[in-house]
Protein backbone atom coordinates (compact mmCIF):
# COMPACT_ATOMS: atom_id res chain seq x y z
CA UNK A 1 0.00 0.00 0.00
CA UNK A 2 1.41 3.37 -0.93
CA UNK A 3 0.98 6.69 0.85
CA UNK A 4 -1.91 7.91 -1.30
CA UNK A 5 -4.01 4.82 -0.66
CA UNK A 6 -3.18 4.85 3.05
CA UNK A 7 -4.39 8.45 3.38
CA UNK A 8 -7.60 7.70 1.47
CA UNK A 9 -8.25 4.56 3.53
CA UNK A 10 -7.64 6.47 6.77
CA UNK A 11 -10.00 9.25 5.67
CA UNK A 12 -12.67 6.67 4.82
CA UNK A 13 -12.33 5.04 8.22
CA UNK A 14 -12.57 8.43 9.96
CA UNK A 15 -15.72 9.28 8.00
CA UNK A 16 -17.37 5.95 8.80
CA UNK A 17 -16.47 6.16 12.49
CA UNK A 18 -17.76 9.73 12.68
CA UNK A 19 -21.05 8.80 11.01
CA UNK A 20 -21.51 5.80 13.28
CA UNK A 21 -20.79 7.80 16.43
CA UNK A 22 -23.03 10.60 15.16
CA UNK A 23 -25.92 8.18 14.74
CA UNK A 24 -25.53 6.24 17.99
CA UNK A 25 -23.88 8.67 20.44
CA UNK A 26 -24.29 12.34 19.61
CA UNK A 27 -24.86 14.47 16.51
CA UNK A 28 -21.77 16.47 17.43
CA UNK A 29 -19.68 13.53 16.19
CA UNK A 30 -20.76 14.52 12.66
CA UNK A 31 -18.14 17.26 12.91
CA UNK A 32 -15.46 14.57 12.56
CA UNK A 33 -16.38 13.53 9.00
CA UNK A 34 -16.87 17.19 8.13
CA UNK A 35 -13.32 17.90 9.29
CA UNK A 36 -12.01 14.92 7.31
CA UNK A 37 -13.77 16.16 4.19
CA UNK A 38 -12.42 19.69 4.60
CA UNK A 39 -8.93 18.30 5.15
CA UNK A 40 -9.16 16.20 1.96
CA UNK A 41 -10.36 19.24 0.04
CA UNK A 42 -7.53 21.49 1.22
CA UNK A 43 -4.99 18.71 0.63
CA UNK A 44 -6.15 18.42 -2.97
CA UNK A 45 -5.31 22.09 -3.56
CA UNK A 46 -2.21 22.52 -1.39
CA UNK A 47 -0.67 19.04 -1.27
CA UNK A 48 -0.25 19.41 2.51
CA UNK A 49 -1.73 16.57 4.53
CA UNK A 50 -0.84 15.91 8.19
CA UNK A 51 -1.93 12.26 7.88
CA UNK A 52 0.46 11.79 4.95
CA UNK A 53 3.32 13.17 7.04
CA UNK A 54 2.51 10.76 9.88
CA UNK A 55 2.24 7.75 7.55
CA UNK A 56 5.54 8.75 5.96
CA UNK A 57 7.18 8.75 9.41
CA UNK A 58 5.95 5.17 9.84
CA UNK A 59 7.70 4.17 6.63
CA UNK A 60 4.82 3.91 4.16
CA UNK A 61 6.27 4.23 0.66
CA UNK A 62 5.43 7.35 -1.31
CA UNK A 63 2.77 7.58 -3.97
CA UNK A 64 2.35 10.22 -6.63
CA UNK A 65 0.06 12.66 -4.76
CA UNK A 66 1.90 13.20 -1.47
CA UNK A 67 5.70 13.44 -1.67
């Protein structure tokens, strides 16, 4: 798995967890998937993604989007 796929998989997990917690626990948890979506949007324009930096520190090999 390269860095791009790891970031997308992590974002998907965050969205699903946020939706699940928003449904069962509190609607305030819906802010979590909103934050993940905003982060993906800004990363698409700037190329800066904190999750990509963390995955890179763990040794995930680079993809073509985040270098």
